[in-house]
Protein backbone atom coordinates (compact mmCIF):
# COMPACT_ATOMS: atom_id res chain seq x y z
CA MET A 1 -13.58 28.90 3.60
CA PRO A 2 -15.18 27.91 6.93
CA ALA A 3 -19.04 28.05 7.14
CA ASP A 4 -18.96 30.78 9.78
CA GLN A 5 -17.08 33.08 7.62
CA ASP A 6 -19.39 33.49 4.70
CA THR A 7 -18.06 36.58 3.51
CA ALA A 8 -14.42 36.16 4.38
CA THR A 9 -11.91 36.28 1.54
CA PRO A 10 -10.00 32.82 1.11
CA ARG A 11 -6.25 32.59 1.50
CA PRO A 12 -4.44 34.35 -1.37
CA GLN A 13 -2.49 31.12 -2.29
CA SER A 14 -5.79 29.17 -2.62
CA LEU A 15 -7.20 32.15 -4.80
CA MET A 16 -4.05 32.08 -6.82
CA LEU A 17 -4.01 28.27 -7.44
CA SER A 18 -7.81 28.61 -8.54
CA PHE A 19 -6.93 31.63 -10.90
CA PHE A 20 -4.04 29.83 -12.59
CA GLY A 21 -5.97 26.67 -12.90
CA ILE A 22 -8.98 28.61 -14.68
CA HIS A 23 -6.71 30.86 -16.88
CA VAL A 24 -3.53 29.11 -17.24
CA LEU A 25 -3.98 25.46 -16.88
CA GLY A 26 -3.91 23.67 -20.38
CA ARG A 27 -2.66 26.56 -22.27
CA ASP A 28 1.04 27.46 -22.95
CA VAL A 29 0.78 30.81 -21.62
CA ALA A 30 1.99 33.08 -18.49
CA LEU A 31 0.44 36.04 -16.99
CA SER A 32 1.67 39.28 -16.04
CA SER A 33 1.81 40.37 -12.43
CA GLY A 34 0.03 43.40 -13.29
CA GLY A 35 -2.92 41.75 -14.76
CA VAL A 36 -3.02 39.37 -11.71
CA ILE A 37 -2.73 42.31 -9.31
CA ASP A 38 -5.80 43.92 -11.32
CA ALA A 39 -7.77 40.68 -11.05
CA PHE A 40 -7.18 40.06 -7.27
CA ALA A 41 -8.23 43.64 -6.52
CA ARG A 42 -11.77 42.70 -7.49
CA VAL A 43 -11.73 40.21 -4.63
CA ARG A 44 -10.22 42.50 -2.30
CA VAL A 45 -6.70 41.21 -2.20
CA SER A 46 -3.86 44.09 -2.01
CA GLU A 47 -1.06 44.40 -4.42
CA GLU A 48 1.33 43.55 -1.64
CA ALA A 49 -0.45 40.47 -0.86
CA VAL A 50 -0.45 39.42 -4.64
CA ARG A 51 3.19 40.04 -4.95
CA SER A 52 4.13 38.25 -1.78
CA THR A 53 1.90 35.15 -2.76
CA LEU A 54 3.43 35.22 -6.25
CA THR A 55 6.92 35.03 -4.89
CA ARG A 56 5.99 32.30 -2.20
CA MET A 57 4.68 30.22 -4.98
CA VAL A 58 7.77 30.71 -7.10
CA ASN A 59 10.01 29.73 -4.17
CA ARG A 60 8.01 26.59 -3.59
CA GLY A 61 8.10 25.56 -7.16
CA LEU A 62 4.59 26.28 -8.20
CA LEU A 63 5.19 29.04 -10.58
CA GLU A 64 8.14 30.19 -12.65
CA ARG A 65 8.89 33.74 -13.52
CA HIS A 66 9.47 34.93 -17.10
CA ARG A 67 10.67 38.21 -18.32
CA ARG A 68 9.63 40.20 -21.39
CA GLY A 69 10.99 43.50 -21.56
CA ARG A 70 10.44 45.31 -18.11
CA LYS A 71 7.46 43.20 -17.34
CA THR A 72 7.37 39.98 -15.34
CA TYR A 73 5.17 37.12 -16.21
CA PHE A 74 4.39 33.90 -14.20
CA GLY A 75 3.60 30.40 -15.54
CA LEU A 76 2.91 27.05 -14.04
CA THR A 77 5.53 24.55 -13.28
CA GLY A 78 5.26 20.80 -13.92
CA ARG A 79 4.35 20.32 -10.14
CA ALA A 80 1.71 23.08 -10.21
CA LYS A 81 0.06 21.57 -13.20
CA ALA A 82 -0.11 18.28 -11.50
CA VAL A 83 -1.69 19.87 -8.41
CA LEU A 84 -4.40 21.65 -10.65
CA THR A 85 -5.14 18.91 -12.84
CA ASP A 86 -6.09 16.81 -9.65
CA GLY A 87 -8.04 19.53 -8.73
CA GLN A 88 -9.87 19.70 -12.01
CA ASP A 89 -10.44 16.25 -11.99
CA ARG A 90 -12.15 16.34 -8.60
CA ILE A 91 -14.34 19.19 -9.66
CA TRP A 92 -15.49 18.22 -13.10
CA ARG A 93 -14.79 14.21 -13.27
CA THR A 94 -14.80 12.25 -9.88
CA GLY A 95 -17.84 14.27 -8.56
CA ALA A 96 -18.73 15.01 -5.03
CA VAL A 97 -20.60 11.87 -4.29
CA ASN A 98 -18.99 8.29 -4.28
CA ARG A 99 -21.44 5.98 -5.57
CA GLU A 100 -18.94 3.64 -7.15
CA TRP A 101 -17.16 2.34 -4.06
CA ASP A 102 -15.93 -1.24 -4.62
CA GLY A 103 -15.72 -1.98 -0.86
CA SER A 104 -12.08 -1.80 -0.67
CA TRP A 105 -9.78 0.51 1.51
CA THR A 106 -6.34 1.91 1.33
CA VAL A 107 -4.54 1.55 4.74
CA VAL A 108 -1.19 3.23 5.58
CA GLY A 109 0.96 2.40 8.54
CA PHE A 110 4.08 4.49 9.43
CA SER A 111 6.49 5.00 12.17
CA LEU A 112 8.83 7.97 12.24
CA PRO A 113 11.65 9.17 14.67
CA ASP A 114 10.16 11.52 17.27
CA ALA A 115 12.33 14.23 16.36
CA TRP A 116 10.98 14.19 12.87
CA ARG A 117 8.05 16.67 13.72
CA ARG A 118 8.05 18.54 10.24
CA GLU A 119 8.10 15.32 8.36
CA ARG A 120 5.30 13.71 10.49
CA HIS A 121 3.36 17.12 9.77
CA ASP A 122 3.80 16.95 6.05
CA LEU A 123 3.01 13.25 5.94
CA ARG A 124 -0.18 13.73 7.75
CA SER A 125 -1.24 16.72 5.71
CA ARG A 126 -0.62 14.62 2.38
CA LEU A 127 -2.58 11.77 3.80
CA ALA A 128 -5.60 14.00 4.83
CA TRP A 129 -5.41 15.51 1.28
CA GLY A 130 -5.68 12.01 0.00
CA GLY A 131 -8.83 11.30 1.98
CA PHE A 132 -7.34 9.26 4.79
CA ALA A 133 -8.19 9.67 8.45
CA PRO A 134 -6.35 8.17 11.44
CA LEU A 135 -7.64 4.98 12.90
CA GLN A 136 -5.11 4.86 15.56
CA ALA A 137 -1.51 6.11 15.89
CA GLY A 138 0.42 5.57 13.10
CA LEU A 139 -2.44 3.87 11.02
CA TRP A 140 -4.57 5.70 8.35
CA ALA A 141 -7.20 4.42 6.07
CA ALA A 142 -9.10 5.83 3.07
CA PRO A 143 -11.93 4.37 0.93
CA GLY A 144 -11.01 2.84 -2.32
CA GLN A 145 -7.50 2.37 -3.93
CA VAL A 146 -5.36 5.50 -3.40
CA ASP A 147 -2.08 6.06 -5.27
CA VAL A 148 0.04 6.37 -2.09
CA PRO A 149 3.42 6.74 -3.97
CA GLY A 150 2.00 9.62 -6.01
CA LEU A 151 0.60 11.20 -2.89
CA VAL A 152 3.59 11.23 -0.74
CA ASP A 153 6.11 11.92 -3.62
CA GLY A 154 9.04 14.30 -2.79
CA LEU A 155 8.75 13.49 0.87
CA GLY A 156 11.37 10.92 0.87
CA LEU A 157 9.59 8.81 3.56
CA GLU A 158 8.63 5.85 1.38
CA GLY A 159 10.98 3.55 3.35
CA HIS A 160 8.80 4.39 6.54
CA LEU A 161 5.48 3.37 5.13
CA ARG A 162 3.56 0.15 4.93
CA VAL A 163 0.76 0.33 2.43
CA PHE A 164 -2.06 -2.29 2.09
CA HIS A 165 -5.11 -2.50 -0.06
CA GLY A 166 -8.10 -4.85 1.13
CA ARG A 167 -11.48 -5.18 2.69
CA THR A 168 -12.57 -5.22 6.22
CA ALA A 169 -13.27 -8.59 8.04
CA ALA A 170 -15.19 -9.32 11.08
CA PRO A 171 -15.45 -7.96 13.73
CA THR A 172 -14.55 -4.91 11.72
CA ASP A 173 -17.00 -3.36 9.36
CA ALA A 174 -17.00 -0.28 7.15
CA GLY A 175 -18.88 1.64 9.83
CA ASP A 176 -16.13 1.18 12.30
CA LEU A 177 -13.68 2.82 9.85
CA LEU A 178 -15.99 5.52 8.91
CA ALA A 179 -16.11 6.49 12.57
CA ALA A 180 -12.54 7.98 12.04
CA PHE A 181 -14.06 10.72 9.66
CA ASP A 182 -15.81 13.67 10.89
CA VAL A 183 -18.88 13.17 8.93
CA PRO A 184 -21.00 16.12 10.58
CA ALA A 185 -18.12 18.55 9.83
CA ILE A 186 -18.12 17.28 6.14
CA ALA A 187 -21.80 17.71 5.82
CA GLN A 188 -21.67 21.30 7.60
CA GLY A 189 -19.05 22.33 4.93
CA TYR A 190 -21.53 21.44 2.13
CA HIS A 191 -24.36 23.22 3.88
CA GLY A 192 -22.11 26.33 4.29
CA PHE A 193 -21.58 26.20 0.68
CA LEU A 194 -25.33 26.07 -0.13
CA ASP A 195 -25.97 29.02 2.20
CA ARG A 196 -23.14 31.21 0.89
CA TRP A 197 -24.13 30.86 -2.80
CA SER A 198 -27.88 29.99 -2.84
CA GLY A 199 -30.62 32.53 -3.81
CA SER A 200 -30.81 35.58 -6.14
CA ALA A 201 -28.34 37.30 -4.18
CA PRO A 202 -25.47 35.27 -2.84
CA ALA A 203 -23.94 36.09 0.40
CA VAL A 204 -20.27 36.18 -1.29
CA ALA A 205 -19.37 39.96 -1.91
CA ALA A 206 -18.03 40.32 -5.54
CA GLU A 207 -18.33 43.04 -7.88
CA ASP A 208 -18.28 41.26 -11.25
CA ASP A 209 -18.22 37.76 -12.89
CA LEU A 210 -14.50 37.42 -12.79
CA ALA A 211 -14.45 38.04 -9.06
CA ARG A 212 -17.61 35.70 -8.64
CA GLN A 213 -15.88 32.96 -10.71
CA LEU A 214 -12.69 33.10 -8.79
CA LEU A 215 -14.54 33.04 -5.25
CA LEU A 216 -16.72 30.24 -6.31
CA HIS A 217 -14.10 28.08 -7.72
CA THR A 218 -11.90 28.53 -4.77
CA ASP A 219 -14.72 27.76 -2.27
CA TRP A 220 -15.82 24.79 -4.08
CA LEU A 221 -12.14 23.35 -4.69
CA ASP A 222 -11.26 23.80 -0.80
CA LEU A 223 -14.64 21.82 -0.03
CA VAL A 224 -14.05 19.02 -2.27
CA ARG A 225 -10.28 18.64 -1.32
CA SER A 226 -11.28 18.44 2.45
CA ASP A 227 -13.92 15.74 1.43
CA PRO A 228 -12.52 12.16 1.75
CA HIS A 229 -15.25 11.03 -0.77
CA LEU A 230 -16.84 8.44 1.62
CA PRO A 231 -19.09 5.78 -0.01
CA ALA A 232 -22.58 7.17 -0.46
CA GLU A 233 -24.05 3.95 0.77
CA HIS A 234 -22.72 4.66 4.37
CA LEU A 235 -23.69 8.33 4.41
CA PRO A 236 -27.07 9.86 5.60
CA THR A 237 -29.84 9.74 2.98
CA ASP A 238 -30.08 13.54 2.95
CA TRP A 239 -26.30 14.13 2.17
CA PRO A 240 -25.90 17.51 0.89
CA ALA A 241 -23.04 17.03 -1.51
CA GLU A 242 -25.27 16.59 -4.31
CA ALA A 243 -27.23 19.75 -4.08
CA ALA A 244 -24.15 21.64 -3.38
CA GLU A 245 -22.52 20.11 -6.70
CA ARG A 246 -25.57 21.11 -8.71
CA LEU A 247 -25.36 24.62 -7.45
CA PHE A 248 -21.73 24.95 -8.13
CA HIS A 249 -22.14 23.69 -11.78
CA THR A 250 -24.97 26.01 -12.39
CA LEU A 251 -23.09 28.98 -11.17
CA ALA A 252 -19.77 28.21 -12.74
CA HIS A 253 -21.58 27.92 -16.23
CA ARG A 254 -23.37 31.18 -15.43
CA TYR A 255 -20.30 33.32 -14.50
CA GLN A 256 -18.05 31.84 -17.19
CA PRO A 257 -18.99 34.00 -20.14
CA GLY A 258 -18.72 37.24 -18.27
CA ALA A 259 -15.68 36.16 -16.50
CA GLU A 260 -13.80 35.36 -19.75
CA ALA A 261 -14.58 38.48 -21.39
CA ILE A 262 -13.24 40.31 -18.42
CA ALA A 263 -10.03 38.33 -18.37
CA THR A 264 -9.59 38.98 -22.05
CA GLU A 265 -9.64 42.59 -21.27
CA VAL A 266 -7.56 42.65 -17.96
CA LEU A 267 -4.89 39.87 -18.38
CA ASP A 268 -1.70 40.59 -20.22
CA ARG A 269 -0.73 37.06 -21.51
CA ILE A 270 2.46 35.74 -23.35
CA GLU A 271 2.71 32.62 -25.17
CA LEU A 272 5.27 29.99 -23.99
CA PRO A 273 6.69 27.15 -25.93
CA PRO A 274 5.53 23.48 -25.35
CA ALA A 275 7.54 21.87 -22.54
CA GLY A 276 11.14 20.87 -23.81
CA GLU A 277 11.47 23.43 -26.47
CA PRO A 278 13.72 26.64 -25.82
CA TYR A 279 12.13 30.10 -25.42
CA VAL A 280 15.08 32.47 -26.05
CA ASN A 281 13.21 35.73 -25.51
CA THR A 282 12.07 34.67 -22.01
CA ILE A 283 14.45 34.84 -19.01
CA ASP A 284 13.91 32.64 -15.95
CA VAL A 285 14.59 34.62 -13.08
CA GLY A 286 15.60 33.06 -9.76
CA PRO A 287 13.71 33.12 -6.38
CA GLY A 288 15.51 36.39 -5.34
CA GLY A 289 14.58 38.19 -8.57
CA GLU A 290 12.05 41.00 -8.63
CA VAL A 291 8.43 40.41 -9.11
């Protein structure tokens, strides 16, 4: 959520990923479309937008449909679980401030045919997600050791990549590589978060704790996903990430009890068997099926 859109609602898919991360990840359950529609109405997302987003996420392999009677339920796919687990790690384990940098960098070089515009876009998007920035054409770097095969899995471009781990050597130093990252923009993101959520009356409009929890988690996750986790020793001493993270944790714990109580009331869940076990009462509907 950009800092100049304090009261804007995030994209429905970002909200949906956060929502399923909070209420489904780690549980063998699926949620009914009706319950999701009810919850999203609290953050001013229309029923049409919810249904469209659910369908798109099924088509993208992030959600799977299950049918119980006349109701449709949605559960997480393995791919979605991996994405959401990574997000949870970034929120609760990795931390927003990188004080454990070992001085190493991961460098990725690539060369793709000129006609491969979509492939180039997809690769660059994955690299940016993984904390990389371009040093020059076809050469990207990120601090620390990054699992590049995991990052680009599914793109089918491994044969076009050259990956290295190492340290800078004279005349290049860490500052030269950090210049590839837009440090002021990253700081502005954290300042925007503090502006939106600080004080007794946060600027984010929400009617209850379920809505506040969803908007808070989505805002924070979008922010930390766009942060390349640069080493603290090379950042300004007044780096705002730590204060923003403290605020997020405070509010997340504040909203959780009320949000869980509302979720118990409005969400219609069914239990699913653990992965690999049959579930004869559930019918998996294809991408063209009814939501």
